[in-house]
Amino acid sequence: MYECLLHHETFTRLEARLKPFSDQITPVTVSDNSEIGRPWGEAAKGSALIAHGNADVWFSPASRAFGKYLYEADRLAWFQSSAAGLENPFLQKIGEKAEAYTASHVQSEAIAEWVLWAGFDWFGNGAERRAGQAAKEWRHVHFREIQATRWLVYGFGHIGEAAGRRLRGLGAHVTGVRRSDQVSPFADRVVHPNDVSRDEIGQADAILLCAPHTPETENLADADFFAAMKEGSLFLNVGRGALVDEDALLKALDKGRPAHATLDVTREEPLPEDSPIWTHPGITLTAHTSALTSESRKRNDELFLENLSSFLNEAPLRNLIEKKDFAAQAV
């Protein structure tokens, strides 16, 4: 018998589908007011713990109580995360403790649509369109087509490929940047990070960061990086805030290279009220919400249930992370 730790809302959504496992799991729920619930009663003494950490947990007041329960467990047999990255200190600690740890990449589809939204808004001159409507002026607004743009995508994994698939479908030219030399049907070409030249950066109409935060990617986008970007270009970050030297970005925007930045992540989250990022006219900001769609939540629920069945039946788990993978992303 295993205790199964879930956010209360997750349990409410999935209770009927958890019932077939009732002879093997006893749910433990954490509510937003940090109350611990045991809706099916107490587990047998000495039961190991399994847990699902998802957006219901990460973006709620329940995260502290959830983490405390994990840390105090005598044995954490399996942890399912809804996140792809591993560098967060909280996840690093869980990775050390968990006997099995599985990640998720199902949010890639939602994030890729966020990328399209940002691209359409910038190249489609959305700001001027909205200004014209607000001023009740019948303006003829010039805009660019996505199919006429070149994109440089740092971190051509699940998120990068999901974005590349959509962008190429619209006719854009996509260069993927990743350490593997494996070709991809979702990029016109794939290059190693060490082979990205200033000319490559300067040819891009849009540069998208979706790489993990590692010692190698810390401040990837610095003053020299921005100086190489072309006038009129768009900079996007859905990776991690630490990939960007934010002071350098603000200065670069003032110089017009890039012309605009659309950010879903920042170095400090939540972003402090006194940060100039809030009010800079060259920045569009979202609050690390690119993955938070109802469809992404459903896909994560399905992944958890699939892996739960596999775990309880001693079958292979999807997206199983090895201990060395945590070490590689430790910062």
Foldseek 3Di string as FASTA:
>chain_A
DEEEEDAPVLCVVCVVVCVVCVVPYFYWYAYLVGDIDGVPDDDPPPHEYEYEAEPSQPVGSNVVSSLVVLVPTPAYAEYEYAADDQAPPSSLVSLVGYVWYFYHLLLLLLLLVVVVVVVCCQQVVVVVVVVCVVVVHPDDDDGDFLLPFEEEEEACDSNVLSNLQVSVVSNYAYEYEDCDCDDDPSHPHYYYPVPCDLVNQQRGQEYEYAHEDAPVQQQCPALVSLVSHHANHEYEYLHEQRSHPVVSVLVSCVVRRPVAYEYAYHNDPPPDPPDCQVPDPRYHYHPSCSSPDPVSVVVSSVLVSVQVVCVVVVHDHPRIDDSVSSVRRHD
